[in-house]
Amino acid sequence: FFSKFLFIRKKMAQGTQGKQTMNQHLQEKLNKWCEQLNSARTTKVKMEKGVALKAFCDCFLPTDIDKEDYLHFWKGLLDDDTWLESLSGELQQCCTGMGVESIKGDEMQT
């Protein structure tokens, strides 16, 4: 679902609004993913972080992904705080629209 859209990120002048998706379903997913990643980022207990990241992976990753790939993605986020911060920041940018210049695949149908 998320792969149907391409968010074009650009460093924008401070105070520039950017663009959010017009697709309400996608916006709801972005909001949920950001909340889940923020929960994982802010917890200090590794087990709780792992549970929060599993909840994120269950919603974010495609349902037909191999178990090995799922575990690799989940463990990577669990063990690599830099990657977790980066992914969280990118999704937050897509969610808020800040710094997003355009969204391909988000055109309104008439």
Foldseek 3Di string as FASTA:
>chain_A
DVVLKDFAFADDDPPDQADAFPDPVVLVLLVVLLVLLVQLLPDPDLVSNLVSLVVNLVSPPDPPDDPVVSVVVSVCCSPPVVVSVVVSVVSVCRNRRVRTHDMPSRDDDD
